[in-house]
Amino acid sequence: MDPFGECALYLITDRSLSRGRSTTDVVREALAGGVDVVQLRDKEVETADVVLEGLRVHEITARHGVPLIVNDRLDVALAIEAEGAHVGQTDLSAPMARKLLPPPALLGVSTSSVDMARSAQQQRADYVGFGPIFRTATKETAASPRGAAMMQDVLQAIDIPLVALGGISGHNVAEVIEAGANHVAVCSAIVAADDVRRAAATLKESMLRAQARRSVS
């Protein structure tokens, strides 16, 4: 069962890209535009501040019935009773995260290869984030672009949901959906937009149209 339903738009927050807007304001507008999942990513802030911010964000996502995932910080995820946590290859290990998270909390794992994705599934991840699909400047340590072809290989290798990420914007999101992705994660395409709500709505509309084309092809 896919915890995100069909064709989910997954927002990753980043206060450094929000142009002075608060994370809560960005999330509120993004949800109004059609975002289906929110990941709170704030690694450079003290734990107490992230917890307070997480509580405010969770109040908003809960009103919309949208899951809140916390990046890396399992302590924060547990403190605010978020719907899940997401770990990277250099964060807390997936097996340990799975052990610490109480059911039915979701566990996502960042991957950039078929082998990583298979391993994440074996370690009881609920979904994998796969990428970067395209070149991205959001993360300085990001791997080289994987492209849609490798994403298709990963989709064939695993049975859990895949969230495509990395360099995805309104210009290429349809390509990613048409290549087989059901879910797409974005950061700067929404967080740094002039109009957050419109950016989210445009992305979601493009995803749904691409999914409709794929279903009849």
Protein backbone atom coordinates (compact mmCIF):
# COMPACT_ATOMS: atom_id res chain seq x y z
CA MET A 1 0.00 0.00 0.00
CA ASP A 2 1.34 3.40 -0.98
CA PRO A 3 1.24 5.79 2.01
CA PHE A 4 1.11 8.81 -0.30
CA GLY A 5 -1.72 7.71 -2.55
CA GLU A 6 -1.29 8.56 -6.22
CA CYS A 7 0.78 11.27 -7.85
CA ALA A 8 1.93 13.00 -4.67
CA LEU A 9 3.76 16.32 -4.66
CA TYR A 10 6.27 16.15 -1.81
CA LEU A 11 7.65 19.43 -0.46
CA ILE A 12 11.09 19.64 1.19
CA THR A 13 11.47 22.81 3.25
CA ASP A 14 14.64 24.91 3.36
CA ARG A 15 14.62 28.21 5.22
CA SER A 16 17.78 29.38 3.39
CA LEU A 17 15.79 29.43 0.13
CA SER A 18 12.53 30.89 1.43
CA ARG A 19 13.46 34.53 0.76
CA GLY A 20 12.77 35.67 4.32
CA ARG A 21 9.42 33.93 4.59
CA SER A 22 8.81 31.69 7.59
CA THR A 23 8.66 27.96 7.11
CA THR A 24 5.11 27.95 8.41
CA ASP A 25 4.04 30.53 5.82
CA VAL A 26 5.71 28.56 3.02
CA VAL A 27 4.06 25.33 4.14
CA ARG A 28 0.65 26.97 4.51
CA GLU A 29 0.77 28.40 0.97
CA ALA A 30 2.22 25.21 -0.51
CA LEU A 31 -0.57 23.12 0.98
CA ALA A 32 -3.13 25.53 -0.42
CA GLY A 33 -1.50 24.96 -3.81
CA GLY A 34 -1.82 21.20 -3.66
CA VAL A 35 1.23 19.77 -1.86
CA ASP A 36 0.49 16.26 -0.53
CA VAL A 37 3.48 15.58 1.76
CA VAL A 38 5.78 17.92 3.71
CA GLN A 39 9.31 17.13 4.80
CA LEU A 40 10.78 19.44 7.42
CA ARG A 41 14.49 19.78 6.70
CA ASP A 42 16.41 22.07 9.05
CA LYS A 43 19.77 20.57 10.01
CA GLU A 44 21.58 23.75 11.01
CA VAL A 45 19.23 24.86 13.78
CA GLU A 46 19.30 23.98 17.48
CA THR A 47 17.04 21.11 18.48
CA ALA A 48 14.74 23.23 20.66
CA ASP A 49 14.13 25.65 17.79
CA VAL A 50 13.45 22.85 15.32
CA VAL A 51 10.99 21.27 17.74
CA LEU A 52 9.08 24.54 18.11
CA GLU A 53 9.04 25.04 14.36
CA GLY A 54 8.03 21.43 13.84
CA LEU A 55 5.11 21.77 16.21
CA ARG A 56 3.85 24.82 14.30
CA VAL A 57 4.27 23.09 10.94
CA HIS A 58 2.63 19.91 12.20
CA GLU A 59 -0.40 21.85 13.35
CA ILE A 60 -0.82 23.14 9.80
CA THR A 61 -0.24 19.81 8.05
CA ALA A 62 -2.58 18.01 10.44
CA ARG A 63 -5.40 20.41 9.56
CA HIS A 64 -4.91 19.49 5.91
CA GLY A 65 -4.61 15.76 6.60
CA VAL A 66 -1.11 15.79 5.12
CA PRO A 67 1.76 13.70 6.54
CA LEU A 68 4.76 15.53 8.01
CA ILE A 69 8.13 13.83 7.60
CA VAL A 70 11.20 15.08 9.50
CA ASN A 71 14.55 14.91 7.74
CA ASP A 72 17.30 13.14 9.70
CA ARG A 73 16.25 14.38 13.17
CA LEU A 74 14.52 11.40 14.74
CA ASP A 75 14.54 13.19 18.07
CA VAL A 76 12.46 15.96 16.55
CA ALA A 77 10.18 13.53 14.71
CA LEU A 78 9.46 11.72 17.97
CA ALA A 79 9.04 14.92 19.98
CA ILE A 80 6.44 16.40 17.66
CA GLU A 81 4.78 13.06 16.84
CA ALA A 82 5.38 13.52 13.13
CA GLU A 83 4.05 10.95 10.69
CA GLY A 84 7.56 9.84 9.80
CA ALA A 85 11.25 10.48 9.37
CA HIS A 86 13.61 10.48 6.41
CA VAL A 87 17.29 9.52 6.59
CA GLY A 88 20.15 9.85 4.15
CA GLN A 89 23.11 7.57 3.60
CA THR A 90 25.23 9.51 6.11
CA ASP A 91 22.49 9.98 8.73
CA LEU A 92 21.29 7.53 11.35
CA SER A 93 21.15 4.07 9.77
CA ALA A 94 17.86 2.90 8.35
CA PRO A 95 17.71 -0.20 10.62
CA MET A 96 18.24 1.95 13.72
CA ALA A 97 15.69 4.51 12.54
CA ARG A 98 13.18 1.70 11.92
CA LYS A 99 13.81 0.38 15.42
CA LEU A 100 13.27 3.79 17.05
CA LEU A 101 10.21 4.88 15.09
CA PRO A 102 6.94 3.70 16.61
CA PRO A 103 4.36 2.15 14.27
CA PRO A 104 2.79 3.33 12.07
CA ALA A 105 5.41 6.07 11.51
CA LEU A 106 6.86 6.14 8.00
CA LEU A 107 10.54 5.72 7.21
CA GLY A 108 12.02 7.14 4.02
CA VAL A 109 15.60 6.60 2.85
CA SER A 110 17.59 8.65 0.34
CA THR A 111 19.12 6.55 -2.44
CA SER A 112 21.06 7.17 -5.63
CA SER A 113 21.47 3.67 -7.09
CA VAL A 114 19.58 0.45 -7.65
CA ASP A 115 21.60 -1.30 -4.94
CA MET A 116 20.88 1.45 -2.39
CA ALA A 117 17.18 1.26 -3.16
CA ARG A 118 17.12 -2.53 -2.78
CA SER A 119 18.99 -2.22 0.52
CA ALA A 120 16.53 0.38 1.80
CA GLN A 121 13.64 -1.94 1.03
CA GLN A 122 15.37 -4.81 2.82
CA GLN A 123 15.88 -2.51 5.82
CA ARG A 124 12.10 -1.96 5.99
CA ALA A 125 11.90 1.53 4.53
CA ASP A 126 8.38 2.53 3.58
CA TYR A 127 9.60 4.48 0.56
CA VAL A 128 12.82 5.61 -1.09
CA GLY A 129 13.80 9.04 -2.26
CA PHE A 130 15.77 8.56 -5.48
CA GLY A 131 17.97 11.08 -7.21
CA PRO A 132 19.15 13.51 -8.14
CA ILE A 133 17.25 12.99 -11.36
CA PHE A 134 18.64 16.25 -12.75
CA ARG A 135 21.48 18.50 -11.73
CA THR A 136 20.66 20.42 -8.56
CA ALA A 137 22.31 23.18 -6.55
CA THR A 138 20.11 22.66 -3.49
CA LYS A 139 22.53 20.17 -1.95
CA GLU A 140 26.25 20.78 -2.42
CA THR A 141 27.06 17.11 -1.84
CA ALA A 142 24.52 15.77 -4.30
CA ALA A 143 25.60 12.96 -6.60
CA SER A 144 25.76 13.40 -10.36
CA PRO A 145 22.38 13.34 -12.14
CA ARG A 146 20.89 9.85 -12.35
CA GLY A 147 18.35 10.54 -15.06
CA ALA A 148 15.00 8.97 -15.84
CA ALA A 149 16.53 5.75 -17.22
CA MET A 150 18.15 4.78 -13.93
CA MET A 151 14.96 5.77 -12.11
CA GLN A 152 13.10 3.25 -14.26
CA ASP A 153 15.65 0.57 -13.28
CA VAL A 154 15.03 1.35 -9.62
CA LEU A 155 11.26 1.19 -10.08
CA GLN A 156 11.63 -2.31 -11.53
CA ALA A 157 13.93 -3.41 -8.68
CA ILE A 158 11.78 -2.47 -5.68
CA ASP A 159 8.23 -2.96 -4.48
CA ILE A 160 7.98 0.11 -2.24
CA PRO A 161 7.11 3.62 -3.45
CA LEU A 162 9.73 5.84 -5.04
CA VAL A 163 9.83 9.62 -4.68
CA ALA A 164 11.87 11.19 -7.48
CA LEU A 165 13.93 14.21 -6.44
CA GLY A 166 16.73 16.51 -7.46
CA GLY A 167 16.53 19.40 -9.91
CA ILE A 168 12.83 18.86 -10.59
CA SER A 169 10.83 21.93 -11.61
CA GLY A 170 7.87 22.93 -13.68
CA HIS A 171 10.02 22.57 -16.79
CA ASN A 172 10.77 18.87 -16.35
CA VAL A 173 8.29 17.39 -13.87
CA ALA A 174 6.11 15.98 -16.65
CA GLU A 175 9.10 14.09 -18.04
CA VAL A 176 9.67 12.45 -14.65
CA ILE A 177 6.04 11.38 -14.27
CA GLU A 178 5.84 10.10 -17.84
CA ALA A 179 8.99 8.05 -17.17
CA GLY A 180 7.17 6.17 -14.41
CA ALA A 181 7.47 8.11 -11.15
CA ASN A 182 4.28 8.42 -9.13
CA HIS A 183 5.66 10.91 -6.62
CA VAL A 184 7.97 13.90 -6.98
CA ALA A 185 9.84 15.87 -4.32
CA VAL A 186 10.79 19.50 -4.85
CA CYS A 187 12.43 22.17 -2.78
CA SER A 188 13.54 25.35 -4.52
CA ALA A 189 10.86 25.11 -7.22
CA ILE A 190 8.31 25.90 -4.50
CA VAL A 191 10.22 27.34 -1.54
CA ALA A 192 12.07 29.95 -3.60
CA ALA A 193 9.17 30.84 -5.89
CA ASP A 194 7.71 34.34 -6.05
CA ASP A 195 4.27 32.86 -5.45
CA VAL A 196 4.51 29.64 -3.43
CA ARG A 197 0.86 28.69 -3.83
CA ARG A 198 0.87 29.18 -7.59
CA ALA A 199 4.15 27.30 -7.99
CA ALA A 200 2.76 24.31 -6.10
CA ALA A 201 -0.50 24.38 -8.04
CA THR A 202 1.31 24.55 -11.38
CA LEU A 203 3.56 21.63 -10.49
CA LYS A 204 0.65 19.51 -9.31
CA GLU A 205 -1.37 20.26 -12.43
CA SER A 206 1.58 19.29 -14.65
CA MET A 207 2.01 16.04 -12.70
CA LEU A 208 -1.64 15.09 -13.05
CA ARG A 209 -1.68 15.84 -16.77
CA ALA A 210 1.47 13.78 -17.30
CA GLN A 211 0.01 10.91 -15.29
CA ALA A 212 -3.14 11.01 -17.43
CA ARG A 213 -1.05 10.86 -20.62
CA ARG A 214 0.96 7.94 -19.22
CA SER A 215 -2.16 5.99 -18.33
CA VAL A 216 -3.45 6.06 -21.93
CA SER A 217 -0.13 5.49 -23.68
